[in-house]
Amino acid sequence: HLPIYPDASDSVCLAWNYRDALTVIWSHKCVVCFLAGHTHDGGYSEDPSGVYHVNLEGVIETAPDSQAFATVHVYPDKML
């Protein structure tokens, strides 16, 4: 739920041990994306290891009469 990359979030929303979490993520070359919430405005950044950090907008920010969900399709060469 909590973001772990500072450039994709404001500092108030980061996991308190985000540096430890990044160390684990960066130790595995197979990680290409980290999805998080909590940052109500959303956020996005690619870190120096090439991992994409996507913070989804909060449900509370969803406009009336719209949807608050996402579907991620994962393929060998891309994510949609």
Protein backbone atom coordinates (compact mmCIF):
# COMPACT_ATOMS: atom_id res chain seq x y z
CA HIS A 1 0.00 0.00 0.00
CA LEU A 2 2.82 2.45 0.77
CA PRO A 3 5.19 3.89 -1.83
CA ILE A 4 8.88 3.11 -1.44
CA TYR A 5 10.51 5.45 -3.97
CA PRO A 6 10.79 9.15 -3.02
CA ASP A 7 10.59 10.52 -6.58
CA ALA A 8 7.19 8.85 -7.09
CA SER A 9 5.62 10.20 -3.89
CA ASP A 10 5.77 12.93 -1.32
CA SER A 11 7.84 12.15 1.77
CA VAL A 12 4.79 11.99 4.08
CA CYS A 13 3.44 8.92 2.27
CA LEU A 14 6.65 6.87 2.04
CA ALA A 15 7.01 3.64 3.98
CA TRP A 16 9.18 4.33 7.03
CA ASN A 17 11.65 1.62 5.92
CA TYR A 18 11.56 2.46 2.21
CA ARG A 19 15.36 2.24 1.91
CA ASP A 20 15.28 -1.36 3.14
CA ALA A 21 12.45 -2.19 0.74
CA LEU A 22 14.36 -0.66 -2.18
CA THR A 23 17.41 -2.74 -1.28
CA VAL A 24 15.31 -5.90 -1.57
CA ILE A 25 13.66 -4.77 -4.82
CA TRP A 26 17.00 -3.79 -6.38
CA SER A 27 18.61 -7.11 -5.40
CA HIS A 28 16.28 -8.94 -7.82
CA LYS A 29 16.84 -8.12 -11.48
CA CYS A 30 13.42 -9.56 -12.39
CA VAL A 31 11.47 -6.71 -10.71
CA VAL A 32 10.25 -4.23 -13.31
CA CYS A 33 7.39 -2.46 -11.52
CA PHE A 34 6.24 -1.59 -8.00
CA LEU A 35 2.57 -0.67 -7.59
CA ALA A 36 1.47 1.26 -4.52
CA GLY A 37 -1.34 3.41 -3.25
CA HIS A 38 -1.62 5.84 -0.35
CA THR A 39 -0.46 8.88 -2.35
CA HIS A 40 -3.92 10.23 -3.13
CA ASP A 41 -2.76 12.32 -6.09
CA GLY A 42 -0.90 9.36 -7.59
CA GLY A 43 2.69 9.36 -8.75
CA TYR A 44 5.13 7.82 -11.18
CA SER A 45 8.89 7.55 -11.54
CA GLU A 46 11.53 5.20 -12.91
CA ASP A 47 14.37 4.56 -10.47
CA PRO A 48 18.07 4.18 -11.42
CA SER A 49 17.68 0.38 -11.53
CA GLY A 50 14.96 0.65 -14.19
CA VAL A 51 12.09 -0.24 -11.84
CA TYR A 52 8.91 1.71 -12.53
CA HIS A 53 7.13 2.99 -9.41
CA VAL A 54 3.43 3.62 -9.98
CA ASN A 55 1.32 5.08 -7.19
CA LEU A 56 -2.36 4.79 -7.98
CA GLU A 57 -4.68 7.66 -7.17
CA GLY A 58 -6.77 7.29 -4.05
CA VAL A 59 -10.41 6.28 -4.27
CA ILE A 60 -11.31 9.45 -2.40
CA GLU A 61 -10.00 11.43 -5.40
CA THR A 62 -12.32 9.62 -7.82
CA ALA A 63 -14.79 11.90 -9.56
CA PRO A 64 -18.49 11.20 -9.04
CA ASP A 65 -20.03 8.83 -11.59
CA SER A 66 -16.66 7.32 -12.50
CA GLN A 67 -14.84 4.10 -11.65
CA ALA A 68 -12.06 3.51 -9.12
CA PHE A 69 -10.30 0.34 -10.23
CA ALA A 70 -7.51 -0.83 -12.48
CA THR A 71 -6.63 -3.99 -14.33
CA VAL A 72 -3.04 -4.84 -15.18
CA HIS A 73 -2.36 -7.32 -17.93
CA VAL A 74 1.14 -8.79 -17.61
CA TYR A 75 2.91 -10.22 -20.66
CA PRO A 76 6.47 -11.50 -21.15
CA ASP A 77 7.51 -8.21 -22.78
CA LYS A 78 5.10 -5.59 -21.38
CA MET A 79 2.45 -4.56 -18.90
CA LEU A 80 -0.76 -2.87 -19.96
